[in-house]
Amino acid sequence: MGMLDGLLGSVLGKAMGGGQQGNALLDAAMGLLNNSQSGGLSGLLDKFKGAGLGDQAASWVGKGENTPVSGDQVQNALGGDFISQIASKLGVDAGQASGGLAQLLPTLIDKLTPDGAVPAEGNQLEQGIASLRKMFG
């Protein structure tokens, strides 16, 4: 088990108890990052910036410590409808879904930006996401 595998597995375990719900949460998070309609990783970070969470989002990309966010902040940034859709897929309430994403997204984005910058949309980011899907798929 690689370091990233262990780290994300630990985060998923805390976020949703691991197992099927944890994998579904990871799938939802990676869907956000891989969605060209929402702008991928850059678009996701822009949503957090637009919600007044630019410093937190920048910390996830940067090389320092990841600043945490709350489930309420995630719900505000991503929208209640989106969180409700994820909650429905996971079979949990919206608070659990947004709380799980609040724990997962900082680590996931941090690991997809190891050089402290958002990679160009395309090959490098797609390879990172594909690698994560193989580990947890």
N, C-alpha and C. Protein backbone atom coordinates (compact mmCIF):
# COMPACT_ATOMS: atom_id res chain seq x y z
N MET A 1 0.85 -1.18 0.00
CA MET A 1 0.00 0.00 0.00
C MET A 1 0.89 1.24 0.00
N GLY A 2 0.67 2.10 -0.97
CA GLY A 2 1.47 3.31 -1.06
C GLY A 2 1.06 4.34 -0.02
N MET A 3 1.90 5.34 0.13
CA MET A 3 1.64 6.39 1.11
C MET A 3 0.33 7.12 0.81
N LEU A 4 0.10 7.45 -0.45
CA LEU A 4 -1.13 8.15 -0.82
C LEU A 4 -2.34 7.27 -0.55
N ASP A 5 -2.24 6.01 -0.90
CA ASP A 5 -3.32 5.06 -0.66
C ASP A 5 -3.67 5.04 0.83
N GLY A 6 -2.65 4.93 1.67
CA GLY A 6 -2.87 4.90 3.11
C GLY A 6 -3.47 6.18 3.64
N LEU A 7 -2.97 7.30 3.16
CA LEU A 7 -3.44 8.60 3.62
C LEU A 7 -4.90 8.83 3.24
N LEU A 8 -5.24 8.61 1.99
CA LEU A 8 -6.62 8.80 1.56
C LEU A 8 -7.53 7.76 2.19
N GLY A 9 -7.04 6.55 2.37
CA GLY A 9 -7.83 5.53 3.06
C GLY A 9 -8.16 5.95 4.47
N SER A 10 -7.20 6.54 5.15
CA SER A 10 -7.42 7.04 6.51
C SER A 10 -8.45 8.16 6.52
N VAL A 11 -8.33 9.09 5.57
CA VAL A 11 -9.29 10.19 5.48
C VAL A 11 -10.68 9.65 5.18
N LEU A 12 -10.78 8.70 4.25
CA LEU A 12 -12.08 8.12 3.93
C LEU A 12 -12.67 7.39 5.13
N GLY A 13 -11.81 6.71 5.88
CA GLY A 13 -12.28 6.02 7.07
C GLY A 13 -12.89 6.99 8.07
N LYS A 14 -12.24 8.13 8.25
CA LYS A 14 -12.76 9.14 9.17
C LYS A 14 -14.01 9.80 8.61
N ALA A 15 -14.01 10.04 7.31
CA ALA A 15 -15.11 10.79 6.70
C ALA A 15 -16.40 9.99 6.65
N MET A 16 -16.34 8.75 6.27
CA MET A 16 -17.58 7.99 6.05
C MET A 16 -17.50 6.57 6.59
N GLY A 17 -16.54 6.28 7.40
CA GLY A 17 -16.43 4.92 7.91
C GLY A 17 -15.81 3.97 6.90
N GLY A 18 -15.19 4.49 5.85
CA GLY A 18 -14.53 3.65 4.85
C GLY A 18 -15.54 2.84 4.06
N GLY A 19 -15.11 1.72 3.53
CA GLY A 19 -15.99 0.81 2.82
C GLY A 19 -16.68 1.44 1.63
N GLN A 20 -17.88 0.96 1.37
CA GLN A 20 -18.62 1.37 0.19
C GLN A 20 -18.97 2.87 0.21
N GLN A 21 -19.37 3.40 1.36
CA GLN A 21 -19.69 4.82 1.43
C GLN A 21 -18.46 5.68 1.20
N GLY A 22 -17.32 5.26 1.75
CA GLY A 22 -16.09 6.01 1.54
C GLY A 22 -15.69 6.03 0.08
N ASN A 23 -15.83 4.88 -0.58
CA ASN A 23 -15.51 4.82 -2.01
C ASN A 23 -16.48 5.67 -2.82
N ALA A 24 -17.74 5.68 -2.44
CA ALA A 24 -18.72 6.50 -3.15
C ALA A 24 -18.42 7.99 -2.96
N LEU A 25 -17.98 8.35 -1.76
CA LEU A 25 -17.61 9.74 -1.50
C LEU A 25 -16.39 10.13 -2.33
N LEU A 26 -15.41 9.26 -2.39
CA LEU A 26 -14.23 9.53 -3.21
C LEU A 26 -14.63 9.66 -4.68
N ASP A 27 -15.52 8.79 -5.12
CA ASP A 27 -15.98 8.85 -6.51
C ASP A 27 -16.67 10.18 -6.79
N ALA A 28 -17.49 10.65 -5.85
CA ALA A 28 -18.18 11.93 -6.02
C ALA A 28 -17.17 13.08 -6.06
N ALA A 29 -16.18 13.04 -5.18
CA ALA A 29 -15.16 14.09 -5.14
C ALA A 29 -14.35 14.10 -6.42
N MET A 30 -13.98 12.94 -6.90
CA MET A 30 -13.20 12.88 -8.13
C MET A 30 -14.05 13.25 -9.33
N GLY A 31 -15.35 13.00 -9.25
CA GLY A 31 -16.25 13.45 -10.30
C GLY A 31 -16.24 14.96 -10.42
N LEU A 32 -16.18 15.63 -9.27
CA LEU A 32 -16.06 17.10 -9.27
C LEU A 32 -14.79 17.55 -9.98
N LEU A 33 -13.71 16.84 -9.72
CA LEU A 33 -12.42 17.22 -10.28
C LEU A 33 -12.30 16.88 -11.76
N ASN A 34 -13.07 15.92 -12.18
CA ASN A 34 -12.95 15.42 -13.55
C ASN A 34 -14.09 15.91 -14.44
N ASN A 35 -14.90 16.84 -13.93
CA ASN A 35 -16.07 17.32 -14.66
C ASN A 35 -15.70 18.56 -15.46
N SER A 36 -15.66 18.41 -16.76
CA SER A 36 -15.28 19.54 -17.61
C SER A 36 -16.32 20.66 -17.57
N GLN A 37 -17.59 20.33 -17.31
CA GLN A 37 -18.63 21.36 -17.23
C GLN A 37 -18.41 22.30 -16.06
N SER A 38 -17.90 21.77 -14.94
CA SER A 38 -17.68 22.61 -13.77
C SER A 38 -16.28 23.21 -13.76
N GLY A 39 -15.48 22.91 -14.76
CA GLY A 39 -14.14 23.49 -14.84
C GLY A 39 -13.06 22.66 -14.19
N GLY A 40 -13.37 21.43 -13.82
CA GLY A 40 -12.38 20.56 -13.22
C GLY A 40 -11.83 21.11 -11.92
N LEU A 41 -10.57 20.84 -11.67
CA LEU A 41 -9.93 21.28 -10.42
C LEU A 41 -9.94 22.79 -10.29
N SER A 42 -9.62 23.49 -11.34
CA SER A 42 -9.61 24.96 -11.30
C SER A 42 -11.00 25.51 -10.99
N GLY A 43 -12.02 24.93 -11.61
CA GLY A 43 -13.38 25.36 -11.36
C GLY A 43 -13.82 25.09 -9.94
N LEU A 44 -13.41 23.95 -9.41
CA LEU A 44 -13.74 23.61 -8.03
C LEU A 44 -13.10 24.61 -7.07
N LEU A 45 -11.83 24.90 -7.30
CA LEU A 45 -11.15 25.88 -6.45
C LEU A 45 -11.80 27.26 -6.56
N ASP A 46 -12.25 27.61 -7.76
CA ASP A 46 -12.94 28.89 -7.95
C ASP A 46 -14.24 28.95 -7.15
N LYS A 47 -14.94 27.82 -7.02
CA LYS A 47 -16.16 27.79 -6.22
C LYS A 47 -15.85 28.10 -4.75
N PHE A 48 -14.76 27.55 -4.27
CA PHE A 48 -14.38 27.83 -2.88
C PHE A 48 -13.94 29.29 -2.72
N LYS A 49 -13.23 29.80 -3.71
CA LYS A 49 -12.84 31.22 -3.67
C LYS A 49 -14.07 32.11 -3.68
N GLY A 50 -15.03 31.79 -4.53
CA GLY A 50 -16.26 32.56 -4.63
C GLY A 50 -17.09 32.55 -3.36
N ALA A 51 -16.89 31.52 -2.54
CA ALA A 51 -17.61 31.41 -1.28
C ALA A 51 -16.82 32.01 -0.12
N GLY A 52 -15.74 32.75 -0.44
CA GLY A 52 -14.94 33.38 0.60
C GLY A 52 -13.93 32.45 1.25
N LEU A 53 -13.63 31.33 0.59
CA LEU A 53 -12.71 30.34 1.15
C LEU A 53 -11.44 30.22 0.32
N GLY A 54 -11.04 31.34 -0.28
CA GLY A 54 -9.85 31.33 -1.14
C GLY A 54 -8.58 30.97 -0.40
N ASP A 55 -8.42 31.45 0.84
CA ASP A 55 -7.22 31.13 1.61
C ASP A 55 -7.15 29.64 1.92
N GLN A 56 -8.29 29.06 2.26
CA GLN A 56 -8.31 27.63 2.55
C GLN A 56 -7.97 26.83 1.29
N ALA A 57 -8.61 27.17 0.17
CA ALA A 57 -8.36 26.45 -1.08
C ALA A 57 -6.90 26.60 -1.50
N ALA A 58 -6.33 27.79 -1.33
CA ALA A 58 -4.93 28.00 -1.69
C ALA A 58 -4.01 27.15 -0.81
N SER A 59 -4.39 26.93 0.44
CA SER A 59 -3.55 26.10 1.32
C SER A 59 -3.52 24.64 0.87
N TRP A 60 -4.62 24.17 0.25
CA TRP A 60 -4.66 22.79 -0.22
C TRP A 60 -3.74 22.59 -1.41
N VAL A 61 -3.60 23.62 -2.22
CA VAL A 61 -2.73 23.55 -3.40
C VAL A 61 -1.28 23.80 -2.99
N GLY A 62 -1.06 24.71 -2.07
CA GLY A 62 0.29 25.08 -1.66
C GLY A 62 1.00 23.94 -0.94
N LYS A 63 2.23 24.18 -0.59
CA LYS A 63 3.07 23.14 0.01
C LYS A 63 3.01 23.08 1.53
N GLY A 64 2.30 24.01 2.16
CA GLY A 64 2.20 24.01 3.61
C GLY A 64 1.06 23.14 4.12
N GLU A 65 0.65 23.43 5.35
CA GLU A 65 -0.45 22.70 5.97
C GLU A 65 -1.76 23.03 5.26
N ASN A 66 -2.65 22.05 5.22
CA ASN A 66 -3.98 22.24 4.64
C ASN A 66 -4.90 22.85 5.69
N THR A 67 -5.47 24.00 5.38
CA THR A 67 -6.42 24.63 6.28
C THR A 67 -7.76 23.90 6.16
N PRO A 68 -8.33 23.47 7.28
CA PRO A 68 -9.59 22.73 7.20
C PRO A 68 -10.78 23.63 6.87
N VAL A 69 -11.84 23.01 6.42
CA VAL A 69 -13.12 23.67 6.20
C VAL A 69 -14.18 22.82 6.89
N SER A 70 -15.32 23.43 7.17
CA SER A 70 -16.42 22.70 7.79
C SER A 70 -17.36 22.18 6.71
N GLY A 71 -18.23 21.28 7.11
CA GLY A 71 -19.25 20.78 6.20
C GLY A 71 -20.16 21.89 5.71
N ASP A 72 -20.49 22.84 6.60
CA ASP A 72 -21.34 23.96 6.20
C ASP A 72 -20.65 24.82 5.15
N GLN A 73 -19.33 25.02 5.28
CA GLN A 73 -18.59 25.80 4.30
C GLN A 73 -18.57 25.09 2.95
N VAL A 74 -18.41 23.77 2.97
CA VAL A 74 -18.42 23.00 1.73
C VAL A 74 -19.80 23.10 1.07
N GLN A 75 -20.84 22.97 1.87
CA GLN A 75 -22.19 23.06 1.32
C GLN A 75 -22.44 24.45 0.72
N ASN A 76 -21.94 25.48 1.37
CA ASN A 76 -22.09 26.84 0.85
C ASN A 76 -21.35 27.00 -0.47
N ALA A 77 -20.15 26.43 -0.56
CA ALA A 77 -19.34 26.57 -1.77
C ALA A 77 -19.89 25.75 -2.93
N LEU A 78 -20.36 24.55 -2.66
CA LEU A 78 -20.78 23.65 -3.73
C LEU A 78 -22.27 23.70 -4.01
N GLY A 79 -23.03 24.21 -3.07
CA GLY A 79 -24.48 24.32 -3.26
C GLY A 79 -25.24 23.17 -2.62
N GLY A 80 -26.36 23.52 -2.04
CA GLY A 80 -27.18 22.54 -1.35
C GLY A 80 -27.71 21.43 -2.26
N ASP A 81 -28.04 21.76 -3.50
CA ASP A 81 -28.55 20.75 -4.42
C ASP A 81 -27.50 19.69 -4.71
N PHE A 82 -26.27 20.14 -4.93
CA PHE A 82 -25.19 19.19 -5.21
C PHE A 82 -24.95 18.28 -4.01
N ILE A 83 -24.91 18.87 -2.83
CA ILE A 83 -24.67 18.08 -1.62
C ILE A 83 -25.82 17.10 -1.40
N SER A 84 -27.04 17.51 -1.67
CA SER A 84 -28.20 16.62 -1.53
C SER A 84 -28.10 15.43 -2.49
N GLN A 85 -27.61 15.69 -3.70
CA GLN A 85 -27.44 14.60 -4.67
C GLN A 85 -26.42 13.59 -4.16
N ILE A 86 -25.31 14.09 -3.64
CA ILE A 86 -24.28 13.18 -3.11
C ILE A 86 -24.82 12.42 -1.91
N ALA A 87 -25.51 13.12 -1.02
CA ALA A 87 -26.07 12.48 0.17
C ALA A 87 -27.03 11.35 -0.23
N SER A 88 -27.84 11.61 -1.24
CA SER A 88 -28.78 10.60 -1.71
C SER A 88 -28.05 9.37 -2.24
N LYS A 89 -27.00 9.59 -3.01
CA LYS A 89 -26.21 8.46 -3.55
C LYS A 89 -25.55 7.67 -2.43
N LEU A 90 -25.14 8.37 -1.37
CA LEU A 90 -24.45 7.71 -0.26
C LEU A 90 -25.40 7.10 0.75
N GLY A 91 -26.67 7.52 0.71
CA GLY A 91 -27.63 7.04 1.69
C GLY A 91 -27.42 7.67 3.06
N VAL A 92 -26.94 8.92 3.07
CA VAL A 92 -26.71 9.64 4.33
C VAL A 92 -27.41 11.00 4.23
N ASP A 93 -27.40 11.74 5.34
CA ASP A 93 -27.99 13.08 5.27
C ASP A 93 -26.96 14.06 4.71
N ALA A 94 -27.44 15.24 4.36
CA ALA A 94 -26.60 16.26 3.72
C ALA A 94 -25.44 16.67 4.62
N GLY A 95 -25.66 16.72 5.93
CA GLY A 95 -24.59 17.08 6.86
C GLY A 95 -23.45 16.09 6.84
N GLN A 96 -23.77 14.80 6.76
CA GLN A 96 -22.73 13.78 6.69
C GLN A 96 -21.97 13.87 5.36
N ALA A 97 -22.70 14.09 4.28
CA ALA A 97 -22.05 14.18 2.97
C ALA A 97 -21.12 15.38 2.90
N SER A 98 -21.60 16.55 3.34
CA SER A 98 -20.75 17.74 3.28
C SER A 98 -19.59 17.62 4.27
N GLY A 99 -19.82 17.00 5.42
CA GLY A 99 -18.75 16.78 6.38
C GLY A 99 -17.68 15.84 5.83
N GLY A 100 -18.11 14.81 5.14
CA GLY A 100 -17.17 13.89 4.51
C GLY A 100 -16.33 14.58 3.45
N LEU A 101 -16.97 15.39 2.63
CA LEU A 101 -16.24 16.15 1.61
C LEU A 101 -15.29 17.15 2.25
N ALA A 102 -15.70 17.74 3.38
CA ALA A 102 -14.83 18.69 4.08
C ALA A 102 -13.56 18.02 4.57
N GLN A 103 -13.64 16.76 4.92
CA GLN A 103 -12.45 16.02 5.34
C GLN A 103 -11.63 15.54 4.16
N LEU A 104 -12.31 15.16 3.09
CA LEU A 104 -11.63 14.54 1.94
C LEU A 104 -11.00 15.55 0.98
N LEU A 105 -11.71 16.61 0.62
CA LEU A 105 -11.23 17.51 -0.43
C LEU A 105 -9.87 18.14 -0.15
N PRO A 106 -9.60 18.64 1.07
CA PRO A 106 -8.26 19.23 1.28
C PRO A 106 -7.11 18.25 0.99
N THR A 107 -7.26 17.01 1.45
CA THR A 107 -6.20 16.02 1.22
C THR A 107 -6.13 15.62 -0.24
N LEU A 108 -7.29 15.40 -0.85
CA LEU A 108 -7.31 14.99 -2.26
C LEU A 108 -6.69 16.06 -3.15
N ILE A 109 -7.09 17.31 -2.96
CA ILE A 109 -6.55 18.40 -3.78
C ILE A 109 -5.06 18.58 -3.51
N ASP A 110 -4.66 18.46 -2.25
CA ASP A 110 -3.24 18.56 -1.90
C ASP A 110 -2.42 17.53 -2.66
N LYS A 111 -2.91 16.30 -2.72
CA LYS A 111 -2.16 15.23 -3.36
C LYS A 111 -2.18 15.34 -4.88
N LEU A 112 -3.19 16.00 -5.43
CA LEU A 112 -3.23 16.20 -6.88
C LEU A 112 -2.41 17.41 -7.33
N THR A 113 -1.90 18.17 -6.37
CA THR A 113 -1.09 19.36 -6.67
C THR A 113 0.24 19.29 -5.92
N PRO A 114 1.03 18.24 -6.13
CA PRO A 114 2.25 18.04 -5.34
C PRO A 114 3.31 19.12 -5.52
N ASP A 115 3.26 19.84 -6.62
CA ASP A 115 4.27 20.87 -6.87
C ASP A 115 3.83 22.24 -6.37
N GLY A 116 2.70 22.28 -5.66
CA GLY A 116 2.21 23.54 -5.11
C GLY A 116 1.52 24.42 -6.12
N ALA A 117 1.10 23.83 -7.23
CA ALA A 117 0.38 24.58 -8.28
C ALA A 117 -0.63 23.65 -8.93
N VAL A 118 -1.69 24.24 -9.45
CA VAL A 118 -2.69 23.45 -10.16
C VAL A 118 -2.10 23.02 -11.49
N PRO A 119 -2.06 21.70 -11.75
CA PRO A 119 -1.53 21.26 -13.04
C PRO A 119 -2.45 21.68 -14.17
N ALA A 120 -1.89 21.79 -15.34
CA ALA A 120 -2.70 22.12 -16.51
C ALA A 120 -3.77 21.06 -16.66
N GLU A 121 -4.98 21.49 -16.96
CA GLU A 121 -6.05 20.53 -17.18
C GLU A 121 -5.59 19.62 -18.32
N GLY A 122 -5.80 18.38 -18.14
CA GLY A 122 -5.41 17.44 -19.17
C GLY A 122 -4.57 16.33 -18.60
N ASN A 123 -3.49 16.03 -19.28
CA ASN A 123 -2.76 14.80 -19.05
C ASN A 123 -2.33 14.58 -17.60
N GLN A 124 -1.64 15.51 -16.98
CA GLN A 124 -1.11 15.29 -15.63
C GLN A 124 -2.24 15.12 -14.61
N LEU A 125 -3.25 15.97 -14.67
CA LEU A 125 -4.37 15.86 -13.74
C LEU A 125 -5.16 14.59 -14.00
N GLU A 126 -5.40 14.28 -15.26
CA GLU A 126 -6.13 13.06 -15.61
C GLU A 126 -5.38 11.83 -15.12
N GLN A 127 -4.05 11.82 -15.23
CA GLN A 127 -3.27 10.69 -14.75
C GLN A 127 -3.39 10.54 -13.24
N GLY A 128 -3.37 11.66 -12.53
CA GLY A 128 -3.52 11.63 -11.07
C GLY A 128 -4.87 11.08 -10.66
N ILE A 129 -5.92 11.54 -11.32
CA ILE A 129 -7.27 11.08 -11.01
C ILE A 129 -7.41 9.60 -11.37
N ALA A 130 -6.88 9.19 -12.52
CA ALA A 130 -6.95 7.79 -12.92
C ALA A 130 -6.20 6.91 -11.93
N SER A 131 -5.08 7.38 -11.44
CA SER A 131 -4.32 6.63 -10.44
C SER A 131 -5.13 6.46 -9.15
N LEU A 132 -5.79 7.52 -8.71
CA LEU A 132 -6.61 7.44 -7.50
C LEU A 132 -7.78 6.50 -7.71
N ARG A 133 -8.39 6.53 -8.88
CA ARG A 133 -9.51 5.62 -9.16
C ARG A 133 -9.06 4.17 -9.09
N LYS A 134 -7.87 3.88 -9.58
CA LYS A 134 -7.36 2.50 -9.54
C LYS A 134 -7.14 2.06 -8.10
N MET A 135 -6.64 2.97 -7.26
CA MET A 135 -6.38 2.61 -5.87
C MET A 135 -7.65 2.32 -5.10
N PHE A 136 -8.68 3.09 -5.38
CA PHE A 136 -9.89 2.99 -4.57
C PHE A 136 -11.11 2.50 -5.33
N GLY A 137 -10.94 2.22 -6.63
CA GLY A 137 -12.08 1.84 -7.44
C GLY A 137 -12.59 0.46 -7.25
